[in-house]
């Protein structure tokens, strides 16, 4: 056994209980486990992407207790007792969320890598502002980078989803 493996085994684990997409999970994790690692590796929910590990790109954005959080720089232990919503939690009973539909219909995605984070930041925005202006949309997704779309179609998608959500 290597020194690194021995050191990893010596790290005491902490218990965390986190509700993710409506389901409660209790796990023992190393205190240094990032929330994105917990989501992807412990729960096998791989929609939350790891893009930069520095909060720069926003691909790892989830909602924690209703607020957008970059899960690549937050520890799972910090989310203990919290409610997490990931991109997998947007779909309900086989129906896509209006944001997911709008991103597809308005070509708000290309490679799709940033899309989960964009969707989650957009959802937080629309939950707080049902009729955002383009300036408010820009501010609402400012922590999310897209290298493919040029953002124009993302704005159109968010505006369309906002209209759909207002009707519901």
N, C-alpha and C. Protein backbone atom coordinates (compact mmCIF):
# COMPACT_ATOMS: atom_id res chain seq x y z
N UNK A 1 0.85 -1.17 0.00
CA UNK A 1 0.00 0.00 0.00
C UNK A 1 0.89 1.24 0.00
N UNK A 2 0.57 2.21 -0.83
CA UNK A 2 1.37 3.42 -0.93
C UNK A 2 1.08 4.34 0.25
N UNK A 3 1.96 5.31 0.45
CA UNK A 3 1.78 6.29 1.51
C UNK A 3 0.50 7.09 1.30
N UNK A 4 0.20 7.41 0.06
CA UNK A 4 -1.01 8.17 -0.26
C UNK A 4 -2.26 7.37 0.11
N UNK A 5 -2.27 6.07 -0.22
CA UNK A 5 -3.42 5.23 0.12
C UNK A 5 -3.59 5.11 1.62
N UNK A 6 -2.47 4.97 2.34
CA UNK A 6 -2.52 4.87 3.79
C UNK A 6 -3.05 6.16 4.38
N UNK A 7 -2.57 7.31 3.89
CA UNK A 7 -3.02 8.59 4.39
C UNK A 7 -4.52 8.78 4.14
N UNK A 8 -5.00 8.35 2.99
CA UNK A 8 -6.42 8.48 2.66
C UNK A 8 -7.27 7.62 3.60
N UNK A 9 -6.76 6.45 3.98
CA UNK A 9 -7.51 5.58 4.88
C UNK A 9 -7.57 6.14 6.29
N UNK A 10 -6.61 6.96 6.67
CA UNK A 10 -6.54 7.53 8.01
C UNK A 10 -7.45 8.74 8.21
N UNK A 11 -8.01 9.25 7.15
CA UNK A 11 -8.87 10.43 7.25
C UNK A 11 -10.23 9.99 7.80
N UNK A 12 -10.61 10.53 8.95
CA UNK A 12 -11.91 10.15 9.51
C UNK A 12 -13.04 10.69 8.63
N UNK A 13 -14.07 9.90 8.50
CA UNK A 13 -15.21 10.28 7.66
C UNK A 13 -16.23 11.04 8.51
N UNK A 14 -17.02 11.83 7.82
CA UNK A 14 -18.10 12.56 8.47
C UNK A 14 -19.42 12.13 7.85
N UNK A 15 -20.44 12.12 8.67
CA UNK A 15 -21.77 11.76 8.17
C UNK A 15 -22.44 13.00 7.60
N UNK A 16 -23.02 12.84 6.42
CA UNK A 16 -23.80 13.92 5.81
C UNK A 16 -25.15 13.35 5.40
N UNK A 17 -26.15 14.18 5.56
CA UNK A 17 -27.48 13.83 5.08
C UNK A 17 -27.95 14.99 4.22
N UNK A 18 -28.14 14.70 2.95
CA UNK A 18 -28.51 15.73 1.99
C UNK A 18 -29.70 15.22 1.18
N UNK A 19 -30.69 16.05 1.01
CA UNK A 19 -31.82 15.72 0.16
C UNK A 19 -31.49 16.22 -1.24
N UNK A 20 -31.47 15.30 -2.20
CA UNK A 20 -31.14 15.63 -3.58
C UNK A 20 -32.32 15.24 -4.46
N UNK A 21 -32.84 16.22 -5.16
CA UNK A 21 -33.98 16.00 -6.06
C UNK A 21 -35.14 15.31 -5.36
N UNK A 22 -35.35 15.70 -4.09
CA UNK A 22 -36.48 15.18 -3.33
C UNK A 22 -36.23 13.89 -2.58
N UNK A 23 -35.06 13.30 -2.75
CA UNK A 23 -34.74 12.04 -2.06
C UNK A 23 -33.61 12.27 -1.07
N UNK A 24 -33.79 11.77 0.14
CA UNK A 24 -32.79 11.94 1.19
C UNK A 24 -31.69 10.88 1.07
N UNK A 25 -30.44 11.33 1.20
CA UNK A 25 -29.29 10.44 1.15
C UNK A 25 -28.44 10.67 2.39
N UNK A 26 -28.02 9.60 3.01
CA UNK A 26 -27.10 9.67 4.15
C UNK A 26 -25.85 8.89 3.76
N UNK A 27 -24.71 9.54 3.87
CA UNK A 27 -23.44 8.91 3.49
C UNK A 27 -22.35 9.33 4.47
N UNK A 28 -21.32 8.50 4.53
CA UNK A 28 -20.10 8.83 5.26
C UNK A 28 -19.08 9.24 4.21
N UNK A 29 -18.56 10.45 4.31
CA UNK A 29 -17.62 10.96 3.32
C UNK A 29 -16.41 11.58 4.01
N UNK A 30 -15.32 11.67 3.27
CA UNK A 30 -14.16 12.39 3.79
C UNK A 30 -14.54 13.86 3.91
N UNK A 31 -14.04 14.55 4.91
CA UNK A 31 -14.38 15.96 5.09
C UNK A 31 -14.01 16.83 3.88
N UNK A 32 -13.06 16.39 3.10
CA UNK A 32 -12.60 17.17 1.94
C UNK A 32 -13.40 16.87 0.67
N UNK A 33 -14.41 16.04 0.75
CA UNK A 33 -15.23 15.70 -0.42
C UNK A 33 -16.02 16.91 -0.88
N UNK A 34 -15.82 17.27 -2.13
CA UNK A 34 -16.56 18.39 -2.70
C UNK A 34 -18.01 17.98 -2.96
N UNK A 35 -18.90 18.94 -2.92
CA UNK A 35 -20.30 18.65 -3.19
C UNK A 35 -20.48 18.06 -4.59
N UNK A 36 -19.76 18.56 -5.57
CA UNK A 36 -19.87 18.02 -6.93
C UNK A 36 -19.41 16.55 -6.97
N UNK A 37 -18.40 16.20 -6.19
CA UNK A 37 -17.95 14.81 -6.13
C UNK A 37 -19.03 13.94 -5.48
N UNK A 38 -19.63 14.45 -4.42
CA UNK A 38 -20.71 13.72 -3.74
C UNK A 38 -21.85 13.44 -4.73
N UNK A 39 -22.25 14.47 -5.46
CA UNK A 39 -23.35 14.33 -6.41
C UNK A 39 -22.99 13.34 -7.52
N UNK A 40 -21.82 13.50 -8.10
CA UNK A 40 -21.44 12.68 -9.25
C UNK A 40 -20.98 11.28 -8.86
N UNK A 41 -20.15 11.17 -7.83
CA UNK A 41 -19.53 9.88 -7.50
C UNK A 41 -20.33 9.06 -6.50
N UNK A 42 -20.87 9.70 -5.49
CA UNK A 42 -21.64 8.97 -4.48
C UNK A 42 -23.05 8.65 -4.98
N UNK A 43 -23.67 9.64 -5.63
CA UNK A 43 -25.07 9.47 -6.05
C UNK A 43 -25.21 9.09 -7.52
N UNK A 44 -24.12 9.16 -8.26
CA UNK A 44 -24.11 8.80 -9.70
C UNK A 44 -25.04 9.68 -10.53
N UNK A 45 -25.18 10.93 -10.12
CA UNK A 45 -25.95 11.91 -10.89
C UNK A 45 -24.93 12.75 -11.66
N UNK A 46 -24.70 12.38 -12.89
CA UNK A 46 -23.58 12.97 -13.64
C UNK A 46 -23.98 14.17 -14.50
N UNK A 47 -25.18 14.66 -14.35
CA UNK A 47 -25.59 15.85 -15.09
C UNK A 47 -24.87 17.09 -14.64
N UNK A 48 -24.50 17.16 -13.38
CA UNK A 48 -23.73 18.29 -12.86
C UNK A 48 -22.30 18.11 -13.34
N UNK A 49 -21.82 19.06 -14.12
CA UNK A 49 -20.50 18.91 -14.75
C UNK A 49 -19.40 19.60 -13.97
N UNK A 50 -18.19 19.08 -14.12
CA UNK A 50 -16.99 19.70 -13.56
C UNK A 50 -16.24 20.32 -14.74
N UNK A 51 -16.11 21.63 -14.72
CA UNK A 51 -15.46 22.29 -15.85
C UNK A 51 -14.14 22.93 -15.50
N UNK A 52 -14.03 23.53 -14.31
CA UNK A 52 -12.83 24.31 -14.02
C UNK A 52 -12.29 24.12 -12.61
N UNK A 53 -13.08 23.67 -11.67
CA UNK A 53 -12.69 23.53 -10.27
C UNK A 53 -12.35 24.85 -9.58
N UNK A 54 -12.75 25.98 -10.15
CA UNK A 54 -12.42 27.28 -9.56
C UNK A 54 -13.63 28.21 -9.48
N UNK A 55 -14.79 27.77 -9.75
CA UNK A 55 -16.06 28.51 -9.82
C UNK A 55 -16.13 29.45 -11.01
N UNK A 56 -15.20 29.37 -11.91
CA UNK A 56 -15.16 30.29 -13.04
C UNK A 56 -16.22 29.98 -14.09
N UNK A 57 -16.42 28.71 -14.41
CA UNK A 57 -17.26 28.38 -15.58
C UNK A 57 -18.74 28.17 -15.26
N UNK A 58 -19.08 27.73 -14.06
CA UNK A 58 -20.47 27.54 -13.68
C UNK A 58 -21.11 26.24 -14.11
N UNK A 59 -20.36 25.34 -14.75
CA UNK A 59 -20.93 24.07 -15.22
C UNK A 59 -21.43 23.21 -14.07
N UNK A 60 -20.92 23.46 -12.87
CA UNK A 60 -21.28 22.65 -11.71
C UNK A 60 -22.40 23.26 -10.87
N UNK A 61 -23.05 24.30 -11.37
CA UNK A 61 -24.07 25.00 -10.60
C UNK A 61 -25.27 24.10 -10.30
N UNK A 62 -25.65 24.10 -9.04
CA UNK A 62 -26.84 23.39 -8.55
C UNK A 62 -27.62 24.39 -7.70
N UNK A 63 -28.78 24.02 -7.27
CA UNK A 63 -29.50 24.85 -6.30
C UNK A 63 -29.40 24.19 -4.94
N UNK A 64 -28.95 24.93 -3.96
CA UNK A 64 -28.89 24.47 -2.58
C UNK A 64 -29.84 25.36 -1.78
N UNK A 65 -30.87 24.73 -1.24
CA UNK A 65 -31.90 25.47 -0.52
C UNK A 65 -32.42 26.63 -1.36
N UNK A 66 -32.58 26.37 -2.67
CA UNK A 66 -33.16 27.34 -3.58
C UNK A 66 -32.20 28.37 -4.16
N UNK A 67 -30.96 28.35 -3.73
CA UNK A 67 -29.98 29.33 -4.21
C UNK A 67 -28.95 28.66 -5.11
N UNK A 68 -28.56 29.33 -6.20
CA UNK A 68 -27.52 28.75 -7.06
C UNK A 68 -26.17 28.71 -6.35
N UNK A 69 -25.52 27.56 -6.43
CA UNK A 69 -24.24 27.33 -5.77
C UNK A 69 -23.32 26.62 -6.74
N UNK A 70 -22.08 27.00 -6.76
CA UNK A 70 -21.08 26.30 -7.57
C UNK A 70 -20.54 25.15 -6.72
N UNK A 71 -20.94 23.96 -7.08
CA UNK A 71 -20.67 22.79 -6.24
C UNK A 71 -19.22 22.31 -6.32
N UNK A 72 -18.41 22.89 -7.19
CA UNK A 72 -17.02 22.44 -7.30
C UNK A 72 -16.13 23.04 -6.21
N UNK A 73 -16.61 24.05 -5.51
CA UNK A 73 -15.81 24.64 -4.44
C UNK A 73 -16.55 24.66 -3.11
N UNK A 74 -17.55 23.83 -3.00
CA UNK A 74 -18.28 23.69 -1.75
C UNK A 74 -18.13 22.26 -1.27
N UNK A 75 -17.89 22.09 0.00
CA UNK A 75 -17.76 20.75 0.56
C UNK A 75 -19.14 20.12 0.77
N UNK A 76 -19.19 18.82 0.61
CA UNK A 76 -20.44 18.09 0.85
C UNK A 76 -20.90 18.31 2.29
N UNK A 77 -19.96 18.36 3.22
CA UNK A 77 -20.30 18.57 4.62
C UNK A 77 -20.98 19.92 4.85
N UNK A 78 -20.68 20.91 4.02
CA UNK A 78 -21.32 22.22 4.14
C UNK A 78 -22.79 22.16 3.71
N UNK A 79 -23.13 21.17 2.90
CA UNK A 79 -24.51 21.01 2.44
C UNK A 79 -25.31 20.09 3.35
N UNK A 80 -24.69 19.58 4.41
CA UNK A 80 -25.36 18.67 5.34
C UNK A 80 -26.66 19.30 5.83
N UNK A 81 -27.75 18.57 5.69
CA UNK A 81 -29.06 19.05 6.11
C UNK A 81 -29.77 19.89 5.06
N UNK A 82 -29.11 20.11 3.94
CA UNK A 82 -29.67 20.96 2.90
C UNK A 82 -30.45 20.20 1.85
N UNK A 83 -31.13 20.99 1.02
CA UNK A 83 -31.88 20.45 -0.12
C UNK A 83 -31.20 20.88 -1.39
N UNK A 84 -30.80 19.90 -2.19
CA UNK A 84 -30.11 20.15 -3.44
C UNK A 84 -31.03 19.80 -4.60
N UNK A 85 -31.02 20.65 -5.60
CA UNK A 85 -31.71 20.35 -6.86
C UNK A 85 -30.65 20.36 -7.94
N UNK A 86 -30.56 19.25 -8.67
CA UNK A 86 -29.64 19.15 -9.79
C UNK A 86 -30.46 19.15 -11.08
N UNK A 87 -29.76 19.18 -12.18
CA UNK A 87 -30.44 19.20 -13.48
C UNK A 87 -31.33 17.96 -13.66
N UNK A 88 -30.95 16.84 -13.07
CA UNK A 88 -31.77 15.63 -13.16
C UNK A 88 -33.13 15.81 -12.47
N UNK A 89 -33.20 16.73 -11.52
CA UNK A 89 -34.43 16.96 -10.78
C UNK A 89 -35.41 17.89 -11.48
N UNK A 90 -35.02 18.44 -12.62
CA UNK A 90 -35.92 19.35 -13.34
C UNK A 90 -37.08 18.61 -14.01
N UNK A 91 -36.81 17.48 -14.58
CA UNK A 91 -37.83 16.68 -15.28
C UNK A 91 -38.77 16.08 -14.24
N UNK A 92 -40.05 16.14 -14.53
CA UNK A 92 -41.06 15.57 -13.62
C UNK A 92 -42.00 14.66 -14.40
N UNK A 93 -42.12 13.45 -13.95
CA UNK A 93 -43.05 12.48 -14.55
C UNK A 93 -42.88 12.36 -16.06
N UNK A 94 -41.64 12.33 -16.49
CA UNK A 94 -41.35 12.17 -17.91
C UNK A 94 -41.48 13.43 -18.74
N UNK A 95 -41.83 14.54 -18.11
CA UNK A 95 -42.00 15.82 -18.80
C UNK A 95 -40.80 16.72 -18.50
N UNK A 96 -40.22 17.27 -19.55
CA UNK A 96 -39.12 18.21 -19.36
C UNK A 96 -39.64 19.49 -18.71
N UNK A 97 -38.78 20.13 -17.95
CA UNK A 97 -39.08 21.43 -17.37
C UNK A 97 -39.16 22.44 -18.52
N UNK A 98 -39.98 23.48 -18.41
CA UNK A 98 -40.06 24.49 -19.48
C UNK A 98 -38.69 25.06 -19.89
N UNK A 99 -37.77 25.17 -18.94
CA UNK A 99 -36.42 25.65 -19.29
C UNK A 99 -35.71 24.66 -20.21
N UNK A 100 -35.82 23.38 -19.90
CA UNK A 100 -35.18 22.37 -20.74
C UNK A 100 -35.77 22.38 -22.15
N UNK A 101 -37.08 22.48 -22.23
CA UNK A 101 -37.75 22.52 -23.53
C UNK A 101 -37.33 23.76 -24.31
N UNK A 102 -37.30 24.90 -23.64
CA UNK A 102 -36.95 26.15 -24.31
C UNK A 102 -35.49 26.14 -24.79
N UNK A 103 -34.59 25.60 -23.99
CA UNK A 103 -33.19 25.52 -24.42
C UNK A 103 -33.08 24.67 -25.68
N UNK A 104 -33.86 23.62 -25.76
CA UNK A 104 -33.84 22.76 -26.94
C UNK A 104 -34.47 23.46 -28.15
N UNK A 105 -35.65 24.01 -27.95
CA UNK A 105 -36.39 24.62 -29.05
C UNK A 105 -35.74 25.89 -29.59
N UNK A 106 -35.05 26.62 -28.73
CA UNK A 106 -34.44 27.89 -29.13
C UNK A 106 -32.93 27.79 -29.33
N UNK A 107 -32.44 26.56 -29.41
CA UNK A 107 -31.02 26.30 -29.67
C UNK A 107 -30.12 27.01 -28.67
N UNK A 108 -30.50 26.93 -27.40
CA UNK A 108 -29.72 27.54 -26.33
C UNK A 108 -28.60 26.65 -25.86
N UNK A 109 -28.34 25.59 -26.60
CA UNK A 109 -27.25 24.69 -26.25
C UNK A 109 -26.60 24.20 -27.53
N UNK A 110 -25.34 23.90 -27.43
CA UNK A 110 -24.65 23.27 -28.57
C UNK A 110 -23.94 22.04 -28.05
N UNK A 111 -22.76 22.21 -27.49
CA UNK A 111 -22.07 21.02 -27.00
C UNK A 111 -22.75 20.48 -25.75
N UNK A 112 -23.44 21.36 -25.00
CA UNK A 112 -24.19 20.94 -23.83
C UNK A 112 -23.42 20.92 -22.53
N UNK A 113 -22.13 21.21 -22.57
CA UNK A 113 -21.35 21.11 -21.34
C UNK A 113 -21.78 22.12 -20.29
N UNK A 114 -22.06 23.34 -20.70
CA UNK A 114 -22.46 24.38 -19.76
C UNK A 114 -23.94 24.31 -19.40
N UNK A 115 -24.71 23.57 -20.19
CA UNK A 115 -26.17 23.60 -20.10
C UNK A 115 -26.72 23.29 -18.71
N UNK A 116 -26.24 22.26 -18.00
CA UNK A 116 -26.81 22.02 -16.66
C UNK A 116 -26.67 23.23 -15.74
N UNK A 117 -25.50 23.83 -15.73
CA UNK A 117 -25.30 25.02 -14.89
C UNK A 117 -26.14 26.19 -15.35
N UNK A 118 -26.24 26.38 -16.66
CA UNK A 118 -27.08 27.45 -17.20
C UNK A 118 -28.54 27.25 -16.79
N UNK A 119 -29.01 26.02 -16.90
CA UNK A 119 -30.39 25.72 -16.53
C UNK A 119 -30.65 26.02 -15.06
N UNK A 120 -29.73 25.63 -14.20
CA UNK A 120 -29.94 25.82 -12.77
C UNK A 120 -29.87 27.30 -12.39
N UNK A 121 -28.94 28.04 -12.97
CA UNK A 121 -28.87 29.48 -12.70
C UNK A 121 -30.11 30.18 -13.25
N UNK A 122 -30.57 29.75 -14.42
CA UNK A 122 -31.77 30.34 -15.02
C UNK A 122 -33.00 30.05 -14.17
N UNK A 123 -33.09 28.84 -13.64
CA UNK A 123 -34.22 28.49 -12.78
C UNK A 123 -34.24 29.39 -11.54
N UNK A 124 -33.08 29.58 -10.92
CA UNK A 124 -33.02 30.45 -9.74
C UNK A 124 -33.48 31.86 -10.10
N UNK A 125 -33.04 32.34 -11.25
CA UNK A 125 -33.45 33.66 -11.71
C UNK A 125 -34.97 33.73 -11.87
N UNK A 126 -35.54 32.77 -12.58
CA UNK A 126 -36.97 32.80 -12.87
C UNK A 126 -37.84 32.56 -11.65
N UNK A 127 -37.30 31.87 -10.66
CA UNK A 127 -38.06 31.68 -9.42
C UNK A 127 -38.16 32.99 -8.64
N UNK A 128 -37.20 33.87 -8.85
CA UNK A 128 -37.20 35.16 -8.16
C UNK A 128 -37.75 36.30 -9.02
N UNK A 129 -37.81 36.10 -10.33
CA UNK A 129 -38.25 37.15 -11.24
C UNK A 129 -38.92 36.48 -12.44
N UNK A 130 -40.22 36.50 -12.47
CA UNK A 130 -40.97 35.79 -13.52
C UNK A 130 -40.88 36.48 -14.88
N UNK A 131 -40.49 37.75 -14.92
CA UNK A 131 -40.43 38.50 -16.17
C UNK A 131 -39.12 39.29 -16.26
N UNK A 132 -38.00 38.60 -16.31
CA UNK A 132 -36.73 39.33 -16.32
C UNK A 132 -36.48 40.03 -17.66
N UNK A 133 -35.80 41.17 -17.58
CA UNK A 133 -35.34 41.85 -18.78
C UNK A 133 -34.07 41.16 -19.26
N UNK A 134 -33.60 41.51 -20.46
CA UNK A 134 -32.35 40.91 -20.93
C UNK A 134 -31.20 41.25 -19.99
N UNK A 135 -31.19 42.47 -19.47
CA UNK A 135 -30.13 42.87 -18.53
C UNK A 135 -30.18 42.00 -17.27
N UNK A 136 -31.38 41.72 -16.77
CA UNK A 136 -31.53 40.88 -15.59
C UNK A 136 -31.13 39.43 -15.89
N UNK A 137 -31.43 38.97 -17.10
CA UNK A 137 -31.01 37.62 -17.49
C UNK A 137 -29.48 37.56 -17.54
N UNK A 138 -28.86 38.55 -18.14
CA UNK A 138 -27.39 38.59 -18.19
C UNK A 138 -26.80 38.51 -16.79
N UNK A 139 -27.37 39.28 -15.87
CA UNK A 139 -26.87 39.26 -14.50
C UNK A 139 -27.15 37.91 -13.84
N UNK A 140 -28.31 37.33 -14.11
CA UNK A 140 -28.69 36.06 -13.49
C UNK A 140 -27.82 34.89 -13.90
N UNK A 141 -27.25 34.94 -15.09
CA UNK A 141 -26.39 33.83 -15.55
C UNK A 141 -24.93 34.24 -15.65
N UNK A 142 -24.56 35.37 -15.08
CA UNK A 142 -23.22 35.90 -15.25
C UNK A 142 -22.11 34.98 -14.77
N UNK A 143 -22.37 34.07 -13.90
CA UNK A 143 -21.34 33.15 -13.43
C UNK A 143 -21.23 31.88 -14.26
N UNK A 144 -21.89 31.84 -15.41
CA UNK A 144 -21.89 30.66 -16.27
C UNK A 144 -21.31 31.03 -17.63
N UNK A 145 -20.32 30.27 -18.05
CA UNK A 145 -19.68 30.51 -19.35
C UNK A 145 -20.12 29.49 -20.37
N UNK A 146 -20.37 29.99 -21.57
CA UNK A 146 -20.65 29.13 -22.72
C UNK A 146 -19.66 29.49 -23.81
N UNK A 147 -18.96 28.52 -24.30
CA UNK A 147 -17.97 28.77 -25.34
C UNK A 147 -18.52 28.50 -26.74
N UNK A 148 -19.77 28.06 -26.83
CA UNK A 148 -20.31 27.65 -28.13
C UNK A 148 -21.36 28.58 -28.71
N UNK A 149 -22.30 29.06 -27.89
CA UNK A 149 -23.52 29.66 -28.45
C UNK A 149 -23.46 31.16 -28.70
N UNK A 150 -22.60 31.87 -28.02
CA UNK A 150 -22.63 33.31 -28.13
C UNK A 150 -23.75 33.93 -27.32
N UNK A 151 -24.47 33.18 -26.55
CA UNK A 151 -25.47 33.61 -25.58
C UNK A 151 -26.80 34.09 -26.16
N UNK A 152 -26.85 34.54 -27.39
CA UNK A 152 -28.08 35.09 -27.95
C UNK A 152 -29.25 34.09 -27.81
N UNK A 153 -29.01 32.84 -28.19
CA UNK A 153 -30.09 31.85 -28.10
C UNK A 153 -30.39 31.44 -26.67
N UNK A 154 -29.40 31.55 -25.81
CA UNK A 154 -29.64 31.27 -24.38
C UNK A 154 -30.62 32.31 -23.83
N UNK A 155 -30.40 33.58 -24.17
CA UNK A 155 -31.32 34.62 -23.72
C UNK A 155 -32.73 34.37 -24.24
N UNK A 156 -32.83 34.02 -25.53
CA UNK A 156 -34.14 33.72 -26.12
C UNK A 156 -34.80 32.55 -25.40
N UNK A 157 -34.02 31.53 -25.08
CA UNK A 157 -34.57 30.36 -24.40
C UNK A 157 -35.09 30.71 -23.01
N UNK A 158 -34.34 31.52 -22.28
CA UNK A 158 -34.77 31.91 -20.94
C UNK A 158 -36.03 32.76 -21.01
N UNK A 159 -36.08 33.67 -21.97
CA UNK A 159 -37.28 34.50 -22.14
C UNK A 159 -38.50 33.63 -22.48
N UNK A 160 -38.31 32.65 -23.35
CA UNK A 160 -39.41 31.75 -23.73
C UNK A 160 -39.86 30.91 -22.53
N UNK A 161 -38.90 30.42 -21.77
CA UNK A 161 -39.25 29.62 -20.58
C UNK A 161 -39.99 30.48 -19.56
N UNK A 162 -39.55 31.71 -19.40
CA UNK A 162 -40.22 32.61 -18.46
C UNK A 162 -41.69 32.78 -18.86
N UNK A 163 -41.94 32.99 -20.15
CA UNK A 163 -43.32 33.15 -20.64
C UNK A 163 -44.13 31.89 -20.38
N UNK A 164 -43.54 30.74 -20.66
CA UNK A 164 -44.23 29.45 -20.44
C UNK A 164 -44.53 29.24 -18.96
N UNK A 165 -43.56 29.55 -18.11
CA UNK A 165 -43.74 29.36 -16.67
C UNK A 165 -44.79 30.31 -16.10
N UNK A 166 -44.90 31.52 -16.66
CA UNK A 166 -45.93 32.45 -16.22
C UNK A 166 -47.32 31.93 -16.55
N UNK A 167 -47.45 31.26 -17.70
CA UNK A 167 -48.73 30.69 -18.11
C UNK A 167 -49.17 29.54 -17.21
N UNK A 168 -48.19 28.78 -16.72
CA UNK A 168 -48.49 27.64 -15.84
C UNK A 168 -48.82 28.18 -14.49
